[in-house]
Amino acid sequence: MKKILIIDAIGKDDKSSRTKILAEAVISKIDETQYEIEYLDLTKENIPFIDREVVEARKSQEYTSNKQKEALKYLNQFEAADKYIFIYQTWNWSVPANMKAYVDLIMVSGHNFTYKGLKIVGLLENKSVILINTTGGPILGAKIGGLTNNLNGNIYMKKIVKILGIKNVDVYAIGAMSYGFKNKEKNISFDIDKYQEKVNKITKNIII
């Protein structure tokens, strides 16, 4: 059976998160007869920051300290999966710090990408990714940001999976969270029913 690894930067038990409402709608589409699901809640993990200690272990292939062993554990878990679901908010035009720390741990030259001259070659071509994200500003702003090379969480994550060689990438993102779901008639700053309708619409035809 194939394995899906869900990497959640928000917290599995955070039911108040609007991003998690979207995430749960997507996750509910997983065919559990086809996939084994492994859930990694980054808010409950002691994700080590990459530093010289971790880099030296990668060079020597000797993982002896606790930090080095933790780094190797996350790398092995990541590479054992066939499909990935990343769940994250947009914070300050990028991903949360725990997601960035995790990405730093699992991106290892010689494992999931390599260099051929000046070219980066991804080694995970047979895997696939789903990116789930919400942002306060409009999605259009993120697209314009990509054209102008500005920071954005989705742009960053797309570049990461491209480096890994993953071409099968689906993105489920909702923007304008700061103002797009107001209900002037009911004087509601964020109409959860209006938002749920949007979630249902973009996840209606998902098959995983």
N, C-alpha and C. Protein backbone atom coordinates (compact mmCIF):
# COMPACT_ATOMS: atom_id res chain seq x y z
N MET A 1 0.85 -1.20 0.00
CA MET A 1 0.00 0.00 0.00
C MET A 1 0.88 1.24 0.00
N LYS A 2 0.51 2.24 -0.80
CA LYS A 2 1.26 3.48 -0.85
C LYS A 2 1.01 4.31 0.41
N LYS A 3 1.95 5.23 0.68
CA LYS A 3 1.87 6.02 1.90
C LYS A 3 1.75 7.51 1.58
N ILE A 4 0.81 8.17 2.27
CA ILE A 4 0.70 9.63 2.23
C ILE A 4 1.25 10.18 3.54
N LEU A 5 2.17 11.12 3.43
CA LEU A 5 2.69 11.82 4.60
C LEU A 5 2.08 13.21 4.63
N ILE A 6 1.32 13.51 5.69
CA ILE A 6 0.71 14.82 5.87
C ILE A 6 1.60 15.63 6.80
N ILE A 7 2.10 16.76 6.31
CA ILE A 7 2.97 17.63 7.10
C ILE A 7 2.19 18.89 7.45
N ASP A 8 1.83 19.02 8.71
CA ASP A 8 0.91 20.07 9.17
C ASP A 8 1.64 21.08 10.04
N ALA A 9 1.76 22.32 9.54
CA ALA A 9 2.46 23.37 10.28
C ALA A 9 1.54 24.12 11.24
N ILE A 10 0.25 23.79 11.24
CA ILE A 10 -0.73 24.54 12.02
C ILE A 10 -1.05 23.86 13.33
N GLY A 11 -1.19 22.56 13.29
CA GLY A 11 -1.57 21.79 14.47
C GLY A 11 -2.80 20.96 14.18
N LYS A 12 -2.68 19.66 14.32
CA LYS A 12 -3.76 18.75 13.97
C LYS A 12 -5.03 19.04 14.77
N ASP A 13 -4.89 19.46 16.02
CA ASP A 13 -6.05 19.66 16.89
C ASP A 13 -6.58 21.10 16.87
N ASP A 14 -6.04 21.94 16.02
CA ASP A 14 -6.48 23.34 15.95
C ASP A 14 -7.73 23.44 15.09
N LYS A 15 -8.87 23.25 15.70
CA LYS A 15 -10.14 23.25 14.97
C LYS A 15 -10.61 24.66 14.60
N SER A 16 -9.99 25.68 15.21
CA SER A 16 -10.39 27.05 14.93
C SER A 16 -9.71 27.61 13.68
N SER A 17 -8.71 26.91 13.17
CA SER A 17 -7.96 27.39 12.02
C SER A 17 -8.79 27.30 10.74
N ARG A 18 -8.86 28.38 10.01
CA ARG A 18 -9.58 28.37 8.74
C ARG A 18 -8.82 27.58 7.69
N THR A 19 -7.51 27.57 7.82
CA THR A 19 -6.71 26.74 6.91
C THR A 19 -7.03 25.27 7.12
N LYS A 20 -7.24 24.88 8.39
CA LYS A 20 -7.53 23.47 8.68
C LYS A 20 -8.90 23.06 8.15
N ILE A 21 -9.83 23.99 8.06
CA ILE A 21 -11.13 23.67 7.46
C ILE A 21 -10.93 23.24 6.01
N LEU A 22 -10.11 24.00 5.29
CA LEU A 22 -9.77 23.64 3.92
C LEU A 22 -9.00 22.33 3.87
N ALA A 23 -8.05 22.17 4.77
CA ALA A 23 -7.22 20.96 4.79
C ALA A 23 -8.06 19.71 5.04
N GLU A 24 -8.97 19.78 6.01
CA GLU A 24 -9.80 18.62 6.33
C GLU A 24 -10.70 18.25 5.16
N ALA A 25 -11.15 19.24 4.42
CA ALA A 25 -11.98 18.96 3.24
C ALA A 25 -11.19 18.19 2.19
N VAL A 26 -9.92 18.55 2.04
CA VAL A 26 -9.06 17.85 1.08
C VAL A 26 -8.72 16.45 1.59
N ILE A 27 -8.32 16.35 2.86
CA ILE A 27 -7.91 15.07 3.44
C ILE A 27 -9.06 14.06 3.42
N SER A 28 -10.28 14.54 3.55
CA SER A 28 -11.44 13.64 3.55
C SER A 28 -11.62 12.91 2.22
N LYS A 29 -10.93 13.40 1.19
CA LYS A 29 -11.04 12.79 -0.14
C LYS A 29 -10.05 11.63 -0.34
N ILE A 30 -9.20 11.39 0.64
CA ILE A 30 -8.21 10.31 0.50
C ILE A 30 -8.90 8.95 0.53
N ASP A 31 -8.57 8.11 -0.42
CA ASP A 31 -9.08 6.75 -0.45
C ASP A 31 -8.19 5.90 0.47
N GLU A 32 -8.68 5.61 1.66
CA GLU A 32 -7.87 4.90 2.66
C GLU A 32 -7.69 3.42 2.33
N THR A 33 -8.34 2.95 1.31
CA THR A 33 -8.08 1.58 0.85
C THR A 33 -6.84 1.55 -0.07
N GLN A 34 -6.43 2.73 -0.52
CA GLN A 34 -5.28 2.83 -1.42
C GLN A 34 -4.04 3.39 -0.74
N TYR A 35 -4.26 4.14 0.34
CA TYR A 35 -3.14 4.82 0.99
C TYR A 35 -3.11 4.56 2.49
N GLU A 36 -1.92 4.40 3.00
CA GLU A 36 -1.68 4.45 4.44
C GLU A 36 -1.35 5.90 4.78
N ILE A 37 -2.02 6.46 5.79
CA ILE A 37 -1.84 7.86 6.13
C ILE A 37 -0.94 8.00 7.35
N GLU A 38 0.10 8.82 7.23
CA GLU A 38 0.95 9.16 8.35
C GLU A 38 0.87 10.67 8.56
N TYR A 39 0.54 11.08 9.78
CA TYR A 39 0.29 12.49 10.07
C TYR A 39 1.42 13.05 10.93
N LEU A 40 2.07 14.09 10.42
CA LEU A 40 3.17 14.72 11.15
C LEU A 40 2.74 16.12 11.56
N ASP A 41 2.45 16.30 12.83
CA ASP A 41 2.04 17.59 13.38
C ASP A 41 3.29 18.33 13.83
N LEU A 42 3.72 19.30 13.05
CA LEU A 42 4.97 20.00 13.34
C LEU A 42 4.91 20.80 14.63
N THR A 43 3.71 21.17 15.08
CA THR A 43 3.59 21.93 16.32
C THR A 43 3.88 21.07 17.55
N LYS A 44 3.87 19.76 17.37
CA LYS A 44 4.14 18.85 18.48
C LYS A 44 5.50 18.15 18.35
N GLU A 45 6.22 18.48 17.30
CA GLU A 45 7.54 17.88 17.07
C GLU A 45 8.64 18.84 17.52
N ASN A 46 9.74 18.29 17.93
CA ASN A 46 10.90 19.10 18.29
C ASN A 46 11.81 19.18 17.06
N ILE A 47 11.38 19.98 16.10
CA ILE A 47 12.10 20.07 14.83
C ILE A 47 13.43 20.79 15.05
N PRO A 48 14.55 20.12 14.86
CA PRO A 48 15.84 20.79 15.06
C PRO A 48 16.17 21.72 13.89
N PHE A 49 16.75 22.86 14.19
CA PHE A 49 17.20 23.74 13.12
C PHE A 49 18.49 23.18 12.54
N ILE A 50 18.60 23.27 11.23
CA ILE A 50 19.82 22.78 10.59
C ILE A 50 20.99 23.69 10.98
N ASP A 51 22.11 23.08 11.32
CA ASP A 51 23.30 23.83 11.70
C ASP A 51 24.53 23.01 11.31
N ARG A 52 25.70 23.44 11.75
CA ARG A 52 26.93 22.74 11.37
C ARG A 52 26.92 21.29 11.85
N GLU A 53 26.32 21.05 13.00
CA GLU A 53 26.27 19.69 13.54
C GLU A 53 25.53 18.75 12.61
N VAL A 54 24.41 19.22 12.07
CA VAL A 54 23.63 18.40 11.14
C VAL A 54 24.34 18.28 9.80
N VAL A 55 24.92 19.39 9.33
CA VAL A 55 25.63 19.38 8.04
C VAL A 55 26.80 18.42 8.07
N GLU A 56 27.54 18.41 9.18
CA GLU A 56 28.69 17.51 9.29
C GLU A 56 28.26 16.04 9.26
N ALA A 57 27.10 15.74 9.85
CA ALA A 57 26.60 14.36 9.83
C ALA A 57 26.25 13.95 8.40
N ARG A 58 25.70 14.88 7.65
CA ARG A 58 25.38 14.58 6.25
C ARG A 58 26.64 14.29 5.44
N LYS A 59 27.68 15.01 5.73
CA LYS A 59 28.94 14.81 5.00
C LYS A 59 29.58 13.48 5.35
N SER A 60 29.59 13.17 6.64
CA SER A 60 30.28 11.97 7.11
C SER A 60 29.40 10.72 7.08
N GLN A 61 28.07 10.94 6.99
CA GLN A 61 27.09 9.85 7.08
C GLN A 61 27.13 9.15 8.43
N GLU A 62 27.61 9.87 9.44
CA GLU A 62 27.63 9.35 10.80
C GLU A 62 26.70 10.20 11.66
N TYR A 63 25.56 9.64 12.01
CA TYR A 63 24.56 10.36 12.80
C TYR A 63 24.62 9.83 14.24
N THR A 64 25.35 10.54 15.08
CA THR A 64 25.60 10.03 16.42
C THR A 64 24.90 10.84 17.52
N SER A 65 24.84 12.16 17.40
CA SER A 65 24.23 12.98 18.44
C SER A 65 22.70 12.91 18.33
N ASN A 66 22.02 13.32 19.37
CA ASN A 66 20.56 13.31 19.36
C ASN A 66 20.00 14.17 18.24
N LYS A 67 20.58 15.35 18.04
CA LYS A 67 20.10 16.23 16.98
C LYS A 67 20.31 15.60 15.61
N GLN A 68 21.46 14.97 15.41
CA GLN A 68 21.74 14.32 14.13
C GLN A 68 20.78 13.16 13.87
N LYS A 69 20.48 12.41 14.91
CA LYS A 69 19.56 11.28 14.77
C LYS A 69 18.14 11.76 14.46
N GLU A 70 17.74 12.87 15.09
CA GLU A 70 16.42 13.44 14.80
C GLU A 70 16.34 13.90 13.35
N ALA A 71 17.38 14.55 12.87
CA ALA A 71 17.42 15.01 11.49
C ALA A 71 17.29 13.83 10.52
N LEU A 72 18.00 12.75 10.81
CA LEU A 72 17.94 11.56 9.96
C LEU A 72 16.56 10.91 10.01
N LYS A 73 15.94 10.93 11.18
CA LYS A 73 14.60 10.34 11.33
C LYS A 73 13.60 11.02 10.40
N TYR A 74 13.62 12.35 10.38
CA TYR A 74 12.68 13.07 9.52
C TYR A 74 12.98 12.87 8.04
N LEU A 75 14.25 12.80 7.70
CA LEU A 75 14.64 12.55 6.31
C LEU A 75 14.15 11.19 5.85
N ASN A 76 14.38 10.16 6.66
CA ASN A 76 13.96 8.80 6.28
C ASN A 76 12.44 8.70 6.18
N GLN A 77 11.75 9.34 7.11
CA GLN A 77 10.28 9.32 7.08
C GLN A 77 9.77 9.98 5.80
N PHE A 78 10.37 11.10 5.44
CA PHE A 78 9.95 11.82 4.24
C PHE A 78 10.17 10.98 2.99
N GLU A 79 11.33 10.38 2.86
CA GLU A 79 11.66 9.64 1.65
C GLU A 79 10.89 8.32 1.55
N ALA A 80 10.32 7.85 2.65
CA ALA A 80 9.56 6.60 2.62
C ALA A 80 8.14 6.79 2.07
N ALA A 81 7.70 8.04 1.98
CA ALA A 81 6.34 8.31 1.52
C ALA A 81 6.27 8.40 0.00
N ASP A 82 5.07 8.18 -0.52
CA ASP A 82 4.83 8.25 -1.96
C ASP A 82 4.15 9.55 -2.37
N LYS A 83 3.41 10.13 -1.43
CA LYS A 83 2.67 11.36 -1.70
C LYS A 83 2.73 12.24 -0.45
N TYR A 84 2.76 13.55 -0.67
CA TYR A 84 2.88 14.48 0.44
C TYR A 84 1.75 15.50 0.42
N ILE A 85 1.25 15.83 1.61
CA ILE A 85 0.30 16.93 1.74
C ILE A 85 0.89 17.92 2.73
N PHE A 86 1.18 19.13 2.26
CA PHE A 86 1.72 20.18 3.11
C PHE A 86 0.59 21.15 3.47
N ILE A 87 0.44 21.42 4.76
CA ILE A 87 -0.59 22.33 5.25
C ILE A 87 0.08 23.50 5.96
N TYR A 88 -0.19 24.71 5.52
CA TYR A 88 0.49 25.87 6.12
C TYR A 88 -0.29 27.15 5.83
N GLN A 89 -0.19 28.11 6.75
CA GLN A 89 -0.71 29.43 6.51
C GLN A 89 0.38 30.27 5.81
N THR A 90 -0.01 31.44 5.37
CA THR A 90 0.98 32.41 4.93
C THR A 90 1.27 33.35 6.09
N TRP A 91 2.52 33.38 6.51
CA TRP A 91 2.95 34.29 7.57
C TRP A 91 4.02 35.21 7.01
N ASN A 92 3.76 36.50 7.02
CA ASN A 92 4.75 37.47 6.54
C ASN A 92 5.29 37.10 5.16
N TRP A 93 4.36 36.78 4.26
CA TRP A 93 4.68 36.47 2.86
C TRP A 93 5.50 35.20 2.70
N SER A 94 5.49 34.32 3.69
CA SER A 94 6.24 33.07 3.59
C SER A 94 5.53 32.00 4.39
N VAL A 95 6.21 30.87 4.61
CA VAL A 95 5.64 29.76 5.39
C VAL A 95 6.00 29.94 6.86
N PRO A 96 5.28 29.29 7.78
CA PRO A 96 5.64 29.35 9.20
C PRO A 96 7.05 28.81 9.45
N ALA A 97 7.65 29.24 10.55
CA ALA A 97 9.03 28.86 10.85
C ALA A 97 9.21 27.36 10.99
N ASN A 98 8.21 26.65 11.56
CA ASN A 98 8.37 25.20 11.73
C ASN A 98 8.36 24.48 10.38
N MET A 99 7.62 25.01 9.39
CA MET A 99 7.64 24.40 8.06
C MET A 99 8.98 24.65 7.38
N LYS A 100 9.52 25.85 7.52
CA LYS A 100 10.83 26.16 6.94
C LYS A 100 11.90 25.27 7.56
N ALA A 101 11.86 25.09 8.89
CA ALA A 101 12.84 24.24 9.56
C ALA A 101 12.73 22.80 9.06
N TYR A 102 11.49 22.33 8.85
CA TYR A 102 11.29 20.97 8.36
C TYR A 102 11.84 20.81 6.95
N VAL A 103 11.54 21.77 6.09
CA VAL A 103 12.04 21.71 4.72
C VAL A 103 13.57 21.67 4.70
N ASP A 104 14.20 22.45 5.56
CA ASP A 104 15.66 22.43 5.63
C ASP A 104 16.20 21.05 6.00
N LEU A 105 15.47 20.33 6.83
CA LEU A 105 15.92 19.00 7.26
C LEU A 105 15.78 17.96 6.16
N ILE A 106 14.71 18.05 5.37
CA ILE A 106 14.46 16.97 4.40
C ILE A 106 15.06 17.24 3.02
N MET A 107 15.54 18.46 2.80
CA MET A 107 16.21 18.76 1.53
C MET A 107 17.69 18.44 1.66
N VAL A 108 18.09 17.31 1.10
CA VAL A 108 19.48 16.86 1.26
C VAL A 108 20.05 16.46 -0.09
N SER A 109 21.09 17.14 -0.51
CA SER A 109 21.76 16.81 -1.76
C SER A 109 22.30 15.39 -1.72
N GLY A 110 22.04 14.65 -2.78
CA GLY A 110 22.47 13.26 -2.84
C GLY A 110 21.40 12.29 -2.41
N HIS A 111 20.38 12.79 -1.72
CA HIS A 111 19.24 11.96 -1.29
C HIS A 111 18.04 12.19 -2.20
N ASN A 112 17.57 13.44 -2.23
CA ASN A 112 16.36 13.71 -3.02
C ASN A 112 16.57 14.72 -4.14
N PHE A 113 17.77 15.25 -4.24
CA PHE A 113 18.17 16.03 -5.41
C PHE A 113 19.68 15.97 -5.52
N THR A 114 20.19 16.31 -6.69
CA THR A 114 21.64 16.28 -6.88
C THR A 114 22.03 17.36 -7.87
N TYR A 115 23.32 17.57 -8.01
CA TYR A 115 23.83 18.57 -8.94
C TYR A 115 24.53 17.87 -10.10
N LYS A 116 24.23 18.30 -11.30
CA LYS A 116 24.95 17.85 -12.49
C LYS A 116 25.46 19.10 -13.19
N GLY A 117 26.73 19.41 -12.92
CA GLY A 117 27.27 20.68 -13.39
C GLY A 117 26.58 21.80 -12.66
N LEU A 118 25.99 22.73 -13.39
CA LEU A 118 25.27 23.84 -12.79
C LEU A 118 23.78 23.55 -12.67
N LYS A 119 23.38 22.37 -13.06
CA LYS A 119 21.96 22.02 -13.08
C LYS A 119 21.58 21.23 -11.82
N ILE A 120 20.42 21.56 -11.25
CA ILE A 120 19.88 20.81 -10.12
C ILE A 120 18.90 19.77 -10.67
N VAL A 121 19.11 18.52 -10.28
CA VAL A 121 18.26 17.43 -10.78
C VAL A 121 17.52 16.81 -9.59
N GLY A 122 16.19 16.87 -9.61
CA GLY A 122 15.39 16.26 -8.56
C GLY A 122 15.32 14.75 -8.71
N LEU A 123 15.26 14.04 -7.61
CA LEU A 123 15.29 12.57 -7.64
C LEU A 123 13.97 11.94 -7.21
N LEU A 124 12.92 12.75 -7.03
CA LEU A 124 11.64 12.22 -6.56
C LEU A 124 10.55 12.36 -7.63
N GLU A 125 10.89 12.06 -8.85
CA GLU A 125 9.97 12.26 -9.97
C GLU A 125 8.70 11.42 -9.86
N ASN A 126 8.76 10.29 -9.21
CA ASN A 126 7.60 9.40 -9.14
C ASN A 126 6.67 9.70 -7.97
N LYS A 127 6.94 10.76 -7.24
CA LYS A 127 6.10 11.13 -6.12
C LYS A 127 5.20 12.31 -6.49
N SER A 128 4.26 12.65 -5.61
CA SER A 128 3.33 13.75 -5.89
C SER A 128 3.09 14.55 -4.63
N VAL A 129 2.58 15.77 -4.82
CA VAL A 129 2.43 16.72 -3.72
C VAL A 129 1.09 17.44 -3.81
N ILE A 130 0.50 17.69 -2.64
CA ILE A 130 -0.64 18.60 -2.52
C ILE A 130 -0.23 19.71 -1.56
N LEU A 131 -0.42 20.96 -2.00
CA LEU A 131 -0.15 22.11 -1.16
C LEU A 131 -1.48 22.73 -0.74
N ILE A 132 -1.66 22.92 0.56
CA ILE A 132 -2.90 23.50 1.10
C ILE A 132 -2.53 24.76 1.88
N ASN A 133 -3.11 25.89 1.47
CA ASN A 133 -2.68 27.16 2.03
C ASN A 133 -3.82 28.19 2.02
N THR A 134 -3.81 29.06 3.02
CA THR A 134 -4.66 30.25 2.98
C THR A 134 -3.78 31.46 3.23
N THR A 135 -4.23 32.59 2.69
CA THR A 135 -3.46 33.81 2.84
C THR A 135 -4.39 34.99 3.03
N GLY A 136 -3.92 35.98 3.79
CA GLY A 136 -4.75 37.14 4.07
C GLY A 136 -5.02 37.98 2.84
N GLY A 137 -3.99 38.08 1.97
CA GLY A 137 -4.14 38.84 0.74
C GLY A 137 -4.70 37.99 -0.37
N PRO A 138 -4.97 38.59 -1.53
CA PRO A 138 -5.56 37.85 -2.64
C PRO A 138 -4.58 36.89 -3.29
N ILE A 139 -5.10 35.77 -3.82
CA ILE A 139 -4.26 34.83 -4.57
C ILE A 139 -3.64 35.52 -5.78
N LEU A 140 -4.38 36.46 -6.39
CA LEU A 140 -3.84 37.21 -7.53
C LEU A 140 -2.56 37.92 -7.13
N GLY A 141 -2.54 38.44 -5.89
CA GLY A 141 -1.33 39.10 -5.41
C GLY A 141 -0.15 38.15 -5.36
N ALA A 142 -0.42 36.88 -5.01
CA ALA A 142 0.65 35.88 -4.98
C ALA A 142 1.18 35.62 -6.38
N LYS A 143 0.29 35.58 -7.36
CA LYS A 143 0.72 35.35 -8.75
C LYS A 143 1.55 36.51 -9.27
N ILE A 144 1.10 37.73 -8.94
CA ILE A 144 1.88 38.90 -9.34
C ILE A 144 3.23 38.90 -8.63
N GLY A 145 3.22 38.47 -7.37
CA GLY A 145 4.46 38.38 -6.63
C GLY A 145 5.45 37.43 -7.29
N GLY A 146 4.93 36.34 -7.87
CA GLY A 146 5.79 35.40 -8.56
C GLY A 146 6.44 36.02 -9.77
N LEU A 147 5.69 36.85 -10.48
CA LEU A 147 6.22 37.52 -11.68
C LEU A 147 7.28 38.55 -11.31
N THR A 148 7.12 39.15 -10.14
CA THR A 148 8.07 40.19 -9.71
C THR A 148 9.12 39.65 -8.74
N ASN A 149 9.10 38.32 -8.56
CA ASN A 149 10.09 37.64 -7.72
C ASN A 149 9.98 38.06 -6.25
N ASN A 150 8.77 38.39 -5.81
CA ASN A 150 8.55 38.72 -4.41
C ASN A 150 8.28 37.47 -3.59
N LEU A 151 8.39 37.59 -2.28
CA LEU A 151 8.20 36.45 -1.41
C LEU A 151 6.74 36.04 -1.32
N ASN A 152 6.50 34.75 -1.22
CA ASN A 152 5.16 34.21 -1.01
C ASN A 152 5.31 32.74 -0.64
N GLY A 153 4.48 32.28 0.32
CA GLY A 153 4.60 30.90 0.78
C GLY A 153 4.40 29.87 -0.30
N ASN A 154 3.40 30.06 -1.15
CA ASN A 154 3.13 29.08 -2.21
C ASN A 154 4.24 29.07 -3.26
N ILE A 155 4.76 30.24 -3.58
CA ILE A 155 5.87 30.31 -4.54
C ILE A 155 7.07 29.55 -3.99
N TYR A 156 7.35 29.74 -2.71
CA TYR A 156 8.48 29.04 -2.07
C TYR A 156 8.29 27.53 -2.12
N MET A 157 7.09 27.06 -1.72
CA MET A 157 6.86 25.62 -1.68
C MET A 157 6.88 25.00 -3.07
N LYS A 158 6.38 25.73 -4.06
CA LYS A 158 6.42 25.22 -5.44
C LYS A 158 7.86 25.06 -5.91
N LYS A 159 8.71 26.00 -5.53
CA LYS A 159 10.12 25.90 -5.91
C LYS A 159 10.79 24.70 -5.24
N ILE A 160 10.43 24.47 -3.99
CA ILE A 160 11.01 23.34 -3.25
C ILE A 160 10.67 22.02 -3.93
N VAL A 161 9.38 21.80 -4.23
CA VAL A 161 8.99 20.53 -4.83
C VAL A 161 9.54 20.39 -6.25
N LYS A 162 9.72 21.52 -6.93
CA LYS A 162 10.34 21.48 -8.26
C LYS A 162 11.78 21.02 -8.17
N ILE A 163 12.50 21.53 -7.18
CA ILE A 163 13.89 21.11 -6.96
C ILE A 163 13.95 19.60 -6.70
N LEU A 164 12.96 19.08 -5.98
CA LEU A 164 12.92 17.65 -5.68
C LEU A 164 12.54 16.80 -6.89
N GLY A 165 12.15 17.45 -7.97
CA GLY A 165 11.80 16.72 -9.19
C GLY A 165 10.35 16.29 -9.25
N ILE A 166 9.53 16.75 -8.31
CA ILE A 166 8.12 16.35 -8.28
C ILE A 166 7.33 17.23 -9.23
N LYS A 167 6.74 16.61 -10.23
CA LYS A 167 6.01 17.35 -11.25
C LYS A 167 4.50 17.31 -11.02
N ASN A 168 4.05 16.31 -10.31
CA ASN A 168 2.62 16.18 -10.02
C ASN A 168 2.28 16.97 -8.76
N VAL A 169 1.89 18.24 -8.94
CA VAL A 169 1.65 19.14 -7.82
C VAL A 169 0.25 19.76 -7.96
N ASP A 170 -0.57 19.58 -6.92
CA ASP A 170 -1.89 20.21 -6.86
C ASP A 170 -1.89 21.24 -5.73
N VAL A 171 -2.46 22.41 -6.01
CA VAL A 171 -2.50 23.48 -5.02
C VAL A 171 -3.96 23.83 -4.73
N TYR A 172 -4.31 23.80 -3.45
CA TYR A 172 -5.64 24.22 -3.00
C TYR A 172 -5.43 25.38 -2.04
N ALA A 173 -5.67 26.58 -2.54
CA ALA A 173 -5.38 27.78 -1.77
C ALA A 173 -6.56 28.74 -1.84
N ILE A 174 -6.80 29.43 -0.74
CA ILE A 174 -7.85 30.45 -0.68
C ILE A 174 -7.22 31.73 -0.16
N GLY A 175 -7.38 32.80 -0.92
CA GLY A 175 -6.82 34.08 -0.55
C GLY A 175 -7.88 35.05 -0.05
N ALA A 176 -7.43 36.27 0.21
CA ALA A 176 -8.30 37.36 0.67
C ALA A 176 -9.01 37.02 1.97
N MET A 177 -8.35 36.27 2.83
CA MET A 177 -8.97 35.88 4.10
C MET A 177 -9.24 37.09 4.99
N SER A 178 -8.47 38.16 4.82
CA SER A 178 -8.59 39.32 5.68
C SER A 178 -9.85 40.15 5.39
N TYR A 179 -10.36 40.02 4.17
CA TYR A 179 -11.50 40.88 3.80
C TYR A 179 -12.49 40.23 2.84
N GLY A 180 -12.14 39.11 2.27
CA GLY A 180 -12.94 38.53 1.20
C GLY A 180 -14.20 37.81 1.65
N PHE A 181 -14.36 37.60 2.96
CA PHE A 181 -15.52 36.84 3.43
C PHE A 181 -16.39 37.65 4.40
N LYS A 182 -16.38 38.96 4.22
CA LYS A 182 -17.24 39.81 5.01
C LYS A 182 -18.69 39.65 4.54
N ASN A 183 -19.59 39.85 5.45
CA ASN A 183 -21.02 39.84 5.12
C ASN A 183 -21.61 41.15 5.65
N LYS A 184 -21.77 42.12 4.74
CA LYS A 184 -22.24 43.45 5.15
C LYS A 184 -23.69 43.41 5.62
N GLU A 185 -24.49 42.53 5.02
CA GLU A 185 -25.90 42.44 5.40
C GLU A 185 -26.06 41.98 6.84
N LYS A 186 -25.22 41.03 7.25
CA LYS A 186 -25.29 40.51 8.62
C LYS A 186 -24.28 41.17 9.55
N ASN A 187 -23.51 42.12 8.99
CA ASN A 187 -22.48 42.82 9.76
C ASN A 187 -21.49 41.84 10.39
N ILE A 188 -21.03 40.89 9.58
CA ILE A 188 -20.09 39.86 10.03
C ILE A 188 -18.75 40.09 9.32
N SER A 189 -17.66 40.19 10.09
CA SER A 189 -16.35 40.44 9.49
C SER A 189 -15.80 39.21 8.77
N PHE A 190 -16.18 38.03 9.27
CA PHE A 190 -15.80 36.80 8.57
C PHE A 190 -16.98 35.84 8.64
N ASP A 191 -17.60 35.64 7.49
CA ASP A 191 -18.79 34.78 7.40
C ASP A 191 -18.33 33.35 7.16
N ILE A 192 -18.39 32.53 8.19
CA ILE A 192 -17.88 31.16 8.09
C ILE A 192 -18.68 30.33 7.09
N ASP A 193 -19.97 30.61 6.95
CA ASP A 193 -20.79 29.88 5.98
C ASP A 193 -20.37 30.22 4.56
N LYS A 194 -20.06 31.48 4.34
CA LYS A 194 -19.58 31.92 3.03
C LYS A 194 -18.24 31.27 2.70
N TYR A 195 -17.40 31.19 3.71
CA TYR A 195 -16.09 30.55 3.53
C TYR A 195 -16.26 29.06 3.26
N GLN A 196 -17.15 28.40 3.98
CA GLN A 196 -17.39 26.97 3.79
C GLN A 196 -17.88 26.68 2.38
N GLU A 197 -18.69 27.57 1.84
CA GLU A 197 -19.15 27.41 0.46
C GLU A 197 -17.96 27.43 -0.51
N LYS A 198 -17.01 28.33 -0.26
CA LYS A 198 -15.81 28.41 -1.09
C LYS A 198 -14.98 27.13 -0.97
N VAL A 199 -14.82 26.65 0.25
CA VAL A 199 -14.08 25.40 0.48
C VAL A 199 -14.74 24.25 -0.27
N ASN A 200 -16.05 24.13 -0.15
CA ASN A 200 -16.79 23.04 -0.81
C ASN A 200 -16.64 23.11 -2.32
N LYS A 201 -16.61 24.33 -2.83
CA LYS A 201 -16.54 24.51 -4.29
C LYS A 201 -15.20 24.06 -4.84
N ILE A 202 -14.10 24.44 -4.18
CA ILE A 202 -12.79 24.10 -4.74
C ILE A 202 -12.36 22.67 -4.42
N THR A 203 -13.05 22.01 -3.49
CA THR A 203 -12.68 20.62 -3.16
C THR A 203 -13.71 19.60 -3.69
N LYS A 204 -14.72 20.09 -4.38
CA LYS A 204 -15.84 19.22 -4.78
C LYS A 204 -15.39 18.04 -5.63
N ASN A 205 -14.52 18.24 -6.56
CA ASN A 205 -14.16 17.20 -7.52
C ASN A 205 -12.81 16.54 -7.25
N ILE A 206 -12.31 16.71 -6.04
CA ILE A 206 -11.01 16.13 -5.69
C ILE A 206 -11.13 14.60 -5.56
N ILE A 207 -10.16 13.91 -6.16
CA ILE A 207 -10.05 12.46 -5.98
C ILE A 207 -8.59 12.16 -5.61
N ILE A 208 -8.40 11.60 -4.42
CA ILE A 208 -7.04 11.26 -3.99
C ILE A 208 -6.94 9.77 -3.75
